[in-house]
Protein backbone atom coordinates (compact mmCIF):
# COMPACT_ATOMS: atom_id res chain seq x y z
CA MET A 1 26.75 14.71 7.55
CA ASN A 2 25.24 15.96 10.80
CA LYS A 3 21.58 16.70 11.52
CA ASN A 4 21.96 20.45 10.96
CA GLU A 5 23.51 19.90 7.55
CA VAL A 6 20.69 17.54 6.51
CA TYR A 7 18.11 20.03 7.77
CA ASN A 8 19.75 22.89 5.85
CA VAL A 9 20.04 20.86 2.63
CA LEU A 10 16.34 19.99 2.86
CA LEU A 11 15.40 23.55 3.78
CA LYS A 12 17.13 24.86 0.66
CA GLY A 13 16.26 22.02 -1.67
CA LEU A 14 12.64 21.21 -0.91
CA SER A 15 11.31 24.54 -2.14
CA ASN A 16 13.22 24.30 -5.43
CA GLY A 17 13.87 20.58 -5.82
CA ASP A 18 11.89 18.02 -7.72
CA ALA A 19 10.86 14.46 -6.92
CA ALA A 20 14.37 13.19 -7.72
CA PHE A 21 15.81 15.51 -5.06
CA ARG A 22 13.25 14.33 -2.49
CA ILE A 23 13.84 10.66 -3.25
CA LYS A 24 17.64 11.06 -3.09
CA TRP A 25 17.40 12.66 0.34
CA ALA A 26 14.69 10.28 1.54
CA GLU A 27 17.05 7.41 0.71
CA PHE A 28 19.85 9.19 2.56
CA CYS A 29 17.72 9.81 5.66
CA VAL A 30 16.46 6.23 5.75
CA GLU A 31 19.91 4.74 5.14
CA HIS A 32 21.53 6.88 7.84
CA GLN A 33 18.51 6.70 10.17
CA ILE A 34 18.39 10.47 10.53
CA LYS A 35 16.30 11.40 13.56
CA PHE A 36 13.17 12.48 11.72
CA GLN A 37 11.77 14.52 14.59
CA GLU A 38 14.57 17.03 14.05
CA LEU A 39 13.16 17.69 10.57
CA PHE A 40 9.64 18.50 11.81
CA PRO A 41 10.30 22.29 11.83
CA LEU A 42 10.42 22.12 8.01
CA MET A 43 6.62 21.94 8.19
CA ASN A 44 6.59 25.50 9.49
CA GLN A 45 8.67 26.97 6.70
CA ASP A 46 7.09 28.58 3.65
CA THR A 47 4.04 26.87 2.14
CA ARG A 48 5.96 25.33 -0.75
CA THR A 49 8.62 23.80 1.53
CA ALA A 50 5.99 22.53 3.96
CA LYS A 51 3.98 20.85 1.19
CA ARG A 52 7.06 19.26 -0.30
CA PHE A 53 8.16 18.09 3.13
CA MET A 54 4.89 16.16 3.39
CA SER A 55 5.72 14.54 0.03
CA PHE A 56 9.19 13.83 1.42
CA VAL A 57 7.60 11.98 4.37
CA SER A 58 5.65 9.86 1.86
CA ASP A 59 8.85 9.21 -0.10
CA CYS A 60 10.55 8.00 3.07
CA ALA A 61 7.54 5.79 3.86
CA CYS A 62 7.71 4.21 0.40
CA ILE A 63 11.39 3.42 0.95
CA ASP A 64 11.02 2.09 4.51
CA SER A 65 7.57 2.20 6.06
CA ASN A 66 8.90 1.25 9.49
CA TYR A 67 11.20 4.29 9.52
CA ILE A 68 8.16 6.55 9.32
CA TYR A 69 5.89 4.31 11.41
CA THR A 70 8.20 4.84 14.40
CA ILE A 71 7.57 8.60 14.36
CA LEU A 72 3.89 8.70 13.31
CA VAL A 73 2.49 9.19 16.82
CA GLU A 74 4.85 12.10 17.42
CA LEU A 75 4.23 13.53 13.94
CA PHE A 76 0.47 13.32 14.47
CA SER A 77 0.84 15.22 17.75
CA PHE A 78 3.08 17.81 16.08
CA ARG A 79 0.40 18.57 13.47
CA THR A 80 -1.25 21.06 15.88
CA GLN A 81 1.95 23.12 15.84
CA VAL A 82 2.01 23.44 12.04
CA HIS A 83 0.65 26.77 10.90
CA THR A 84 1.74 27.02 7.27
CA ILE A 85 -0.41 24.29 5.72
CA GLN A 86 -3.16 21.86 6.66
CA ILE A 87 -1.31 18.55 7.12
CA GLU A 88 -3.92 16.40 8.82
CA SER A 89 -5.28 14.73 5.70
CA HIS A 90 -1.75 13.58 4.74
CA PHE A 91 -2.06 11.05 7.53
CA ALA A 92 -4.50 8.97 5.46
CA LYS A 93 -1.60 8.15 3.14
CA PHE A 94 0.99 7.80 5.92
CA TRP A 95 -1.21 5.39 7.88
CA ASP A 96 -2.08 3.43 4.75
CA LEU A 97 1.59 3.08 3.77
CA CYS A 98 3.03 2.48 7.24
CA GLY A 99 0.24 1.23 9.44
CA LEU A 100 -1.93 2.98 11.98
CA PRO A 101 -0.36 3.22 15.44
CA PRO A 102 -2.78 1.98 18.11
CA GLU A 103 -2.30 5.26 19.99
CA ASN A 104 -3.93 7.13 17.10
CA GLU A 105 -6.71 4.66 16.21
CA ALA A 106 -9.65 6.33 17.99
CA GLU A 107 -8.99 9.78 16.57
CA ALA A 108 -7.99 8.34 13.19
CA ILE A 109 -11.26 6.45 12.78
CA ASN A 110 -13.24 9.68 13.22
CA LEU A 111 -10.95 11.57 10.83
CA LEU A 112 -11.10 8.84 8.20
CA PHE A 113 -14.91 8.85 8.21
CA ASP A 114 -14.89 12.66 8.06
CA TRP A 115 -12.50 12.66 5.09
CA VAL A 116 -14.60 10.14 3.17
CA LYS A 117 -17.67 12.33 3.74
CA ASP A 118 -15.89 15.60 2.94
CA LYS A 119 -16.63 16.76 -0.61
CA ASN A 120 -13.32 18.67 -0.57
CA SER A 121 -11.15 15.61 0.10
CA ASN A 122 -8.89 14.79 -2.82
CA GLU A 123 -8.81 11.41 -4.54
CA SER A 124 -5.72 10.24 -2.67
CA VAL A 125 -7.18 11.02 0.75
CA LEU A 126 -10.44 9.31 -0.18
CA THR A 127 -8.89 6.11 -1.49
CA HIS A 128 -6.39 5.81 1.38
CA SER A 129 -9.20 6.47 3.86
CA LEU A 130 -11.33 3.75 2.27
CA SER A 131 -8.49 1.24 2.50
CA LEU A 132 -7.84 2.05 6.12
CA LEU A 133 -11.49 1.94 7.14
CA ASN A 134 -11.89 -1.37 5.35
CA ALA A 135 -8.99 -2.80 7.35
CA LEU A 136 -10.23 -1.26 10.59
CA ARG A 137 -13.71 -2.74 10.21
CA LEU A 138 -12.10 -6.18 10.24
CA LYS A 139 -10.47 -5.33 13.55
CA TYR A 140 -13.60 -3.57 14.86
CA PRO A 141 -16.68 -5.24 13.32
CA ASP A 142 -18.97 -2.66 14.97
CA LEU A 143 -17.66 -0.14 12.40
CA THR A 144 -19.07 -2.14 9.49
CA PRO A 145 -22.64 -0.70 9.43
CA GLU A 146 -21.35 2.88 9.57
CA PHE A 147 -18.75 2.05 6.94
CA ILE A 148 -21.40 0.61 4.60
CA GLY A 149 -23.66 3.63 5.15
CA THR A 150 -20.81 6.02 4.50
CA ILE A 151 -19.79 4.28 1.29
CA GLU A 152 -23.37 4.14 0.02
CA SER A 153 -23.88 7.84 0.77
CA GLN A 154 -20.73 8.87 -1.13
CA ILE A 155 -20.95 6.79 -4.32
CA GLY A 156 -21.51 9.03 -7.31
CA LYS A 157 -20.46 12.17 -5.43
CA SER A 158 -16.74 11.91 -5.94
CA TYR A 159 -14.01 10.59 -8.19
CA LYS A 160 -14.44 7.59 -10.48
CA LEU A 161 -11.53 5.78 -8.80
CA PHE A 162 -13.20 6.28 -5.43
CA ASP A 163 -16.49 4.94 -6.76
CA LYS A 164 -14.78 1.90 -8.29
CA LYS A 165 -12.95 1.09 -5.07
CA ALA A 166 -16.02 1.83 -2.94
CA LEU A 167 -18.25 -0.44 -5.03
CA LYS A 168 -15.70 -3.24 -4.88
CA ILE A 169 -15.51 -2.96 -1.08
CA LEU A 170 -19.28 -2.64 -0.81
CA ASN A 171 -19.84 -5.80 -2.87
CA THR A 172 -17.39 -7.68 -0.67
CA LEU A 173 -19.10 -6.39 2.47
CA LYS A 174 -22.55 -7.37 1.27
CA ASP A 175 -21.26 -10.86 0.40
CA ASP A 176 -20.01 -11.15 3.98
CA PHE A 177 -23.47 -10.50 5.43
């Protein structure tokens, strides 16, 4: 199956397909190492297709995180060309599943803090952002005070799962000091 056929199958199927469809084609793309960049235009299709494509990216990452890691820098750059949906917050999950490319670290750190502070961030974005910031503060200890302050300011303002994870991290951080 050539790249145009894969693109067309996904274009048709993402808007109507379910999770089983996405997983089947994620497995196919990973197994055949389909050049993922050629699928990026699916993000500029109708809203439903674009949203399901972002879930498709996550499906691929769950199957083979390295497959998606190799295109994350390019995908992050492409986000400015997407006009159908807001895709930026999806990167919290992508980076948590696949790893954060060093090229994106500086901008990612700012975004992750913004997402944790944003009352409109969903539970997934919040928990993935917490995990990433917790890992990043080990690499960059100077982030720790801001991370603690951010966690403390957000406890009780969000989801119970966020609060549980935040308190667990906070207790660990305070034990470290």
